[in-house]
Protein backbone atom coordinates (compact mmCIF):
# COMPACT_ATOMS: atom_id res chain seq x y z
CA MET A 1 138.12 115.20 91.78
CA LEU A 2 138.49 114.15 95.60
CA GLY A 3 139.91 117.07 97.68
CA ARG A 4 142.17 116.19 100.45
CA SER A 5 139.18 116.41 102.77
CA GLY A 6 137.00 114.24 100.94
CA TRP A 7 140.11 111.79 100.62
CA GLU A 8 139.93 111.92 104.05
CA ARG A 9 136.06 111.39 104.68
CA LEU A 10 136.03 108.73 101.94
CA LEU A 11 139.21 106.60 104.25
CA ASP A 12 136.92 107.10 107.54
CA LEU A 13 134.22 105.51 106.14
CA ALA A 14 136.13 102.59 104.20
CA GLN A 15 137.25 102.09 108.23
CA SER A 16 134.42 102.06 109.50
CA ASP A 17 132.45 98.88 111.11
CA ASP A 18 128.66 100.99 110.53
CA PRO A 19 127.36 100.09 106.95
CA VAL A 20 124.82 102.95 108.01
CA ALA A 21 127.44 105.39 107.75
CA LEU A 22 128.63 103.90 103.96
CA ILE A 23 124.40 104.50 103.35
CA ALA A 24 124.32 107.93 104.32
CA ALA A 25 127.37 109.10 102.71
CA GLU A 26 126.45 107.57 98.94
CA LEU A 27 123.05 109.68 100.11
CA ALA A 28 124.90 113.08 100.52
CA GLU A 29 126.28 113.02 97.94
CA GLU A 30 122.11 113.09 96.24
CA GLU A 31 121.98 116.18 98.39
CA LEU A 32 119.82 113.44 101.08
CA THR A 33 120.25 113.07 104.44
CA LEU A 34 119.78 110.01 106.21
CA GLU A 35 118.74 110.23 110.31
CA SER A 36 117.77 107.32 112.50
CA ASP A 37 114.76 108.17 114.88
CA HIS A 38 115.08 105.00 117.34
CA GLY A 39 115.47 102.52 114.43
CA ILE A 40 114.03 104.56 111.87
CA TYR A 41 116.29 105.61 109.24
CA ARG A 42 114.18 109.31 108.12
CA VAL A 43 115.41 110.35 104.68
CA ILE A 44 115.13 114.37 103.73
CA GLY A 45 115.57 116.13 100.89
CA LYS A 46 114.23 117.48 97.74
CA PHE A 47 112.10 115.40 95.26
CA SER A 48 108.57 115.04 94.24
CA ASN A 49 108.22 111.51 94.70
CA PRO A 50 109.16 110.13 98.17
CA VAL A 51 107.99 106.43 96.96
CA PRO A 52 111.64 105.40 95.39
CA VAL A 53 113.35 107.30 97.28
CA ALA A 54 112.01 104.77 99.94
CA ALA A 55 111.91 102.33 98.24
CA ARG A 56 115.71 102.33 97.32
CA VAL A 57 116.97 103.39 101.03
CA ALA A 58 115.17 100.43 102.88
CA ALA A 59 117.33 97.63 99.51
CA LEU A 60 120.15 99.98 100.46
CA LEU A 61 119.86 99.06 104.26
CA GLY A 62 117.98 95.96 104.18
CA ARG A 63 121.51 94.32 102.43
CA HIS A 64 123.02 95.05 106.54
CA LEU A 65 119.85 94.91 108.97
CA GLU A 66 116.99 92.16 109.16
CA THR A 67 114.09 94.73 109.69
CA VAL A 68 113.90 97.92 107.36
CA LEU A 69 111.88 101.60 108.94
CA VAL A 70 112.18 103.73 106.32
CA TYR A 71 110.24 107.81 106.20
CA ALA A 72 110.79 109.34 102.86
CA VAL A 73 109.59 113.39 103.60
CA ALA A 74 109.42 115.71 101.20
CA ASP A 75 106.89 118.92 100.65
CA GLY A 76 104.68 118.23 102.30
CA ARG A 77 104.41 114.23 100.53
CA TRP A 78 105.50 111.41 102.62
CA THR A 79 105.72 107.15 102.28
CA PHE A 80 106.73 105.12 105.03
CA VAL A 81 108.57 101.37 103.87
CA ALA A 82 108.69 98.59 106.45
CA TRP A 83 110.75 95.45 105.54
CA ARG A 84 111.86 92.23 106.67
CA ARG A 85 112.07 89.23 103.87
CA PRO A 86 109.54 88.54 102.84
CA HIS A 87 107.32 91.03 103.99
CA LEU A 88 107.12 94.50 102.79
CA ALA A 89 104.67 97.38 104.07
CA VAL A 90 104.55 100.73 102.48
CA ALA A 91 101.66 103.46 104.64
CA GLY A 92 101.29 106.38 102.24
CA SER A 93 100.14 110.41 102.50
CA ARG A 94 97.03 111.04 100.66
CA ALA A 95 98.97 113.02 98.13
CA MET A 96 100.95 109.43 97.46
CA TRP A 97 99.76 106.19 97.96
CA PRO A 98 96.97 106.87 100.95
CA GLY A 99 96.76 103.76 103.51
CA TRP A 100 98.92 101.00 104.11
CA ARG A 101 99.60 98.13 101.64
CA MET A 102 101.37 94.31 102.21
CA TYR A 103 103.48 93.40 99.93
CA ARG A 104 105.04 89.37 99.72
CA VAL A 105 108.49 90.01 97.60
CA PRO A 106 109.77 87.30 96.58
CA PRO A 107 113.83 86.46 97.41
CA SER A 108 114.87 87.55 93.90
CA ALA A 109 114.03 90.95 94.56
CA THR A 110 113.83 94.20 96.70
CA PRO A 111 111.14 96.99 98.05
CA GLU A 112 113.13 98.67 95.31
CA SER A 113 112.24 96.25 92.01
CA ARG A 114 108.90 96.26 94.04
CA LEU A 115 108.09 99.49 94.16
CA ILE A 116 109.35 101.52 91.24
CA GLY A 117 108.39 102.02 88.32
CA GLY A 118 104.49 102.18 86.42
CA GLU A 119 101.84 104.46 87.67
CA GLY A 120 100.97 104.03 91.53
CA PRO A 121 100.81 100.99 93.88
CA PRO A 122 102.12 97.69 91.99
CA ARG A 123 99.55 94.91 92.23
CA ALA A 124 102.58 91.98 91.74
CA GLY A 125 102.65 90.72 95.19
CA LEU A 126 99.70 92.46 96.98
CA VAL A 127 98.67 90.51 99.45
CA ALA A 128 96.16 93.20 101.76
CA GLY A 129 95.30 97.06 101.26
CA PRO A 130 95.03 99.60 100.65
CA VAL A 131 93.97 99.70 104.74
CA HIS A 132 93.08 103.53 106.10
CA LEU A 133 95.99 104.99 107.95
CA GLY A 134 94.25 104.58 111.26
CA ARG A 135 94.20 100.71 111.04
CA THR A 136 97.33 99.35 110.44
CA PRO A 137 96.96 95.55 108.93
CA ALA A 138 98.40 93.36 111.71
CA ALA A 139 101.44 92.13 109.45
CA ALA A 140 102.42 95.64 109.10
CA ARG A 141 101.96 95.96 113.19
CA GLU A 142 103.95 92.60 113.72
CA LEU A 143 106.98 94.31 111.88
CA LEU A 144 107.01 97.34 113.78
CA GLU A 145 106.98 95.23 117.23
CA ARG A 146 109.83 93.23 116.15
CA ALA A 147 111.68 96.87 115.51
CA GLY A 148 111.15 97.93 119.35
CA VAL A 149 108.42 100.96 117.64
CA ASP A 150 105.90 102.38 120.03
CA LEU A 151 102.53 101.35 118.66
CA ALA A 152 100.80 103.95 120.18
CA ASP A 153 102.67 106.70 119.22
CA PHE A 154 103.57 105.32 115.44
CA PRO A 155 100.34 106.15 113.58
CA TRP A 156 100.49 110.08 114.60
CA THR A 157 104.19 110.54 113.78
CA LEU A 158 103.20 109.54 110.03
CA LEU A 159 99.66 111.88 110.45
CA ASP A 160 101.35 114.64 111.42
CA HIS A 161 103.87 115.09 108.34
CA GLY A 162 101.61 116.33 105.87
CA PRO A 163 99.12 115.51 103.32
């Protein structure tokens, strides 16, 4: 049951032309915070596995954005997803899926459908990887450049957030 303030907030969001605000509100209900930092969407919250969180948020944002960059961080574990159909780049901390992996995502799939399920990184659609984090694959660099990310600082952004 929504209270008056919740109802007013919902009405404000419904009138908003910003689809990311609606996604952020949906995630907030799950105690996840979505922040944008120079085109990279950071998801913070209490979760043990950042892979499905990053994949889900990338799929949600991908409905509205051409190129999606998502960085999910919790308890020293992180996953980074860069997606521009049909290319999907995934980087993970040593505690998760270490290094970079490149996937080709068919039109009927999303990062969420590609990355969720099973143990460890999926093999379906894998075109490259794993590649050490310090050696960003060319296809991943292209995705990052299209999104306007400064590649000189980018690897350090990832490495500064845990194992």
